[in-house]
Amino acid sequence: MDILEINKALSNKTRLEILQWLKEPEKHFEPHQDLGHFNDGVCVQHIRKKMGLSQSTISHYLSLMQNVDLVIPTRHGKWTYYKRNENTINRYVSKITMEL
């Protein structure tokens, strides 16, 4: 785990907000009509719509977070859903707590 790389991913207000929304997706997003649950996370399109940014920007942000294991992607047909990687987040918090 690279704390500095995770810190870089979290240093953007929008990326941090996305990660916060994914913590409790049922509070921040409408239920998925296509899946009917949030078990696999939230569709990129729903995140894009809520954030009001372009598809390419949201995809780039999610890719950066995926590269440091903060989110886990799951494909359903042509759509990608993202959820938080709680294991990585918990390890990150523990490491920060121990080292600082």
C-alpha atoms as a PDB file:
ATOM      1  CA  MET A   1       0.000   0.000   0.000  1.00  0.00           C
ATOM      2  CA  ASP A   2       1.375   3.374  -1.021  1.00  0.00           C
ATOM      3  CA  ILE A   3       0.067   6.017   1.366  1.00  0.00           C
ATOM      4  CA  LEU A   4       1.332   8.861  -0.803  1.00  0.00           C
ATOM      5  CA  GLU A   5      -0.501   7.582  -3.888  1.00  0.00           C
ATOM      6  CA  ILE A   6      -3.713   7.162  -1.891  1.00  0.00           C
ATOM      7  CA  ASN A   7      -3.255  10.667  -0.481  1.00  0.00           C
ATOM      8  CA  LYS A   8      -2.942  11.979  -4.047  1.00  0.00           C
ATOM      9  CA  ALA A   9      -6.177  10.229  -5.027  1.00  0.00           C
ATOM     10  CA  LEU A  10      -7.945  11.688  -1.995  1.00  0.00           C
ATOM     11  CA  SER A  11      -6.543  15.198  -2.497  1.00  0.00           C
ATOM     12  CA  ASN A  12      -9.241  16.066  -5.014  1.00  0.00           C
ATOM     13  CA  LYS A  13     -12.541  17.282  -3.529  1.00  0.00           C
ATOM     14  CA  THR A  14     -14.626  15.554  -6.209  1.00  0.00           C
ATOM     15  CA  ARG A  15     -12.903  12.186  -5.795  1.00  0.00           C
ATOM     16  CA  LEU A  16     -13.257  12.428  -2.030  1.00  0.00           C
ATOM     17  CA  GLU A  17     -16.951  13.253  -2.402  1.00  0.00           C
ATOM     18  CA  ILE A  18     -17.495  10.257  -4.703  1.00  0.00           C
ATOM     19  CA  LEU A  19     -15.852   7.989  -2.148  1.00  0.00           C
ATOM     20  CA  GLN A  20     -18.057   9.472   0.576  1.00  0.00           C
ATOM     21  CA  TRP A  21     -21.197   8.898  -1.519  1.00  0.00           C
ATOM     22  CA  LEU A  22     -20.171   5.297  -2.155  1.00  0.00           C
ATOM     23  CA  LYS A  23     -19.998   4.690   1.585  1.00  0.00           C
ATOM     24  CA  GLU A  24     -23.801   4.856   1.762  1.00  0.00           C
ATOM     25  CA  PRO A  25     -25.047   4.723  -1.828  1.00  0.00           C
ATOM     26  CA  GLU A  26     -28.682   4.238  -0.826  1.00  0.00           C
ATOM     27  CA  LYS A  27     -28.632   7.732   0.739  1.00  0.00           C
ATOM     28  CA  HIS A  28     -27.095   9.443  -2.284  1.00  0.00           C
ATOM     29  CA  PHE A  29     -28.422   7.611  -5.344  1.00  0.00           C
ATOM     30  CA  GLU A  30     -31.755   6.374  -6.610  1.00  0.00           C
ATOM     31  CA  PRO A  31     -32.143   2.583  -6.533  1.00  0.00           C
ATOM     32  CA  HIS A  32     -30.811   0.978  -9.691  1.00  0.00           C
ATOM     33  CA  GLN A  33     -33.670  -0.026 -11.929  1.00  0.00           C
ATOM     34  CA  ASP A  34     -31.405  -2.386 -13.839  1.00  0.00           C
ATOM     35  CA  LEU A  35     -29.955  -4.259 -10.822  1.00  0.00           C
ATOM     36  CA  GLY A  36     -32.317  -3.372  -7.990  1.00  0.00           C
ATOM     37  CA  HIS A  37     -29.481  -3.243  -5.417  1.00  0.00           C
ATOM     38  CA  PHE A  38     -26.161  -1.583  -4.609  1.00  0.00           C
ATOM     39  CA  ASN A  39     -24.230  -4.808  -3.920  1.00  0.00           C
ATOM     40  CA  ASP A  40     -21.929  -4.141  -6.879  1.00  0.00           C
ATOM     41  CA  GLY A  41     -21.786  -0.405  -6.244  1.00  0.00           C
ATOM     42  CA  VAL A  42     -23.054   2.499  -8.306  1.00  0.00           C
ATOM     43  CA  CYS A  43     -23.071   2.832 -12.084  1.00  0.00           C
ATOM     44  CA  VAL A  44     -20.648   5.381 -13.521  1.00  0.00           C
ATOM     45  CA  GLN A  45     -23.594   7.070 -15.253  1.00  0.00           C
ATOM     46  CA  HIS A  46     -25.355   7.693 -11.928  1.00  0.00           C
ATOM     47  CA  ILE A  47     -22.173   9.149 -10.431  1.00  0.00           C
ATOM     48  CA  ARG A  48     -21.659  11.331 -13.515  1.00  0.00           C
ATOM     49  CA  LYS A  49     -25.230  12.586 -13.402  1.00  0.00           C
ATOM     50  CA  LYS A  50     -25.077  13.445  -9.701  1.00  0.00           C
ATOM     51  CA  MET A  51     -21.686  15.133 -10.014  1.00  0.00           C
ATOM     52  CA  GLY A  52     -22.611  17.013 -13.192  1.00  0.00           C
ATOM     53  CA  LEU A  53     -19.249  16.362 -14.847  1.00  0.00           C
ATOM     54  CA  SER A  54     -18.378  14.715 -18.143  1.00  0.00           C
ATOM     55  CA  GLN A  55     -18.204  10.943 -18.555  1.00  0.00           C
ATOM     56  CA  SER A  56     -14.484  11.149 -19.311  1.00  0.00           C
ATOM     57  CA  THR A  57     -13.740  13.163 -16.146  1.00  0.00           C
ATOM     58  CA  ILE A  58     -15.680  10.791 -13.886  1.00  0.00           C
ATOM     59  CA  SER A  59     -14.092   7.762 -15.560  1.00  0.00           C
ATOM     60  CA  HIS A  60     -10.647   9.299 -15.059  1.00  0.00           C
ATOM     61  CA  TYR A  61     -11.352   9.984 -11.374  1.00  0.00           C
ATOM     62  CA  LEU A  62     -12.636   6.463 -10.800  1.00  0.00           C
ATOM     63  CA  SER A  63      -9.646   5.019 -12.647  1.00  0.00           C
ATOM     64  CA  LEU A  64      -7.264   6.936 -10.376  1.00  0.00           C
ATOM     65  CA  MET A  65      -9.072   5.595  -7.317  1.00  0.00           C
ATOM     66  CA  GLN A  66      -9.115   2.081  -8.774  1.00  0.00           C
ATOM     67  CA  ASN A  67      -5.356   2.225  -9.396  1.00  0.00           C
ATOM     68  CA  VAL A  68      -4.761   2.624  -5.641  1.00  0.00           C
ATOM     69  CA  ASP A  69      -7.462   0.053  -4.747  1.00  0.00           C
ATOM     70  CA  LEU A  70      -9.886   2.524  -3.168  1.00  0.00           C
ATOM     71  CA  VAL A  71     -12.724   1.295  -5.391  1.00  0.00           C
ATOM     72  CA  ILE A  72     -13.659  -2.022  -6.967  1.00  0.00           C
ATOM     73  CA  PRO A  73     -15.214  -2.095 -10.455  1.00  0.00           C
ATOM     74  CA  THR A  74     -17.795  -4.654 -11.549  1.00  0.00           C
ATOM     75  CA  ARG A  75     -19.037  -4.938 -15.136  1.00  0.00           C
ATOM     76  CA  HIS A  76     -22.664  -5.625 -15.976  1.00  0.00           C
ATOM     77  CA  GLY A  77     -22.962  -5.705 -19.741  1.00  0.00           C
ATOM     78  CA  LYS A  78     -21.689  -2.394 -21.037  1.00  0.00           C
ATOM     79  CA  TRP A  79     -21.979  -0.653 -17.663  1.00  0.00           C
ATOM     80  CA  THR A  80     -19.359  -0.477 -14.917  1.00  0.00           C
ATOM     81  CA  TYR A  81     -20.352  -0.203 -11.276  1.00  0.00           C
ATOM     82  CA  TYR A  82     -18.027   0.971  -8.529  1.00  0.00           C
ATOM     83  CA  LYS A  83     -18.019   0.309  -4.817  1.00  0.00           C
ATOM     84  CA  ARG A  84     -15.580   1.184  -2.077  1.00  0.00           C
ATOM     85  CA  ASN A  85     -12.808  -1.228  -1.234  1.00  0.00           C
ATOM     86  CA  GLU A  86     -13.331  -1.259   2.523  1.00  0.00           C
ATOM     87  CA  ASN A  87     -10.264  -3.478   3.096  1.00  0.00           C
ATOM     88  CA  THR A  88      -7.936  -0.932   1.527  1.00  0.00           C
ATOM     89  CA  ILE A  89      -9.633   1.991   3.260  1.00  0.00           C
ATOM     90  CA  ASN A  90      -9.363   0.286   6.660  1.00  0.00           C
ATOM     91  CA  ARG A  91      -5.694  -0.604   6.087  1.00  0.00           C
ATOM     92  CA  TYR A  92      -4.998   2.974   4.981  1.00  0.00           C
ATOM     93  CA  VAL A  93      -6.626   4.422   8.111  1.00  0.00           C
ATOM     94  CA  SER A  94      -4.739   1.963  10.332  1.00  0.00           C
ATOM     95  CA  LYS A  95      -1.420   2.747   8.678  1.00  0.00           C
ATOM     96  CA  ILE A  96      -1.988   6.500   8.993  1.00  0.00           C
ATOM     97  CA  THR A  97      -2.929   6.037  12.653  1.00  0.00           C
ATOM     98  CA  MET A  98       0.203   3.995  13.378  1.00  0.00           C
ATOM     99  CA  GLU A  99       2.623   6.202  11.477  1.00  0.00           C
ATOM    100  CA  LEU A 100       1.359   9.631  12.448  1.00  0.00           C
END
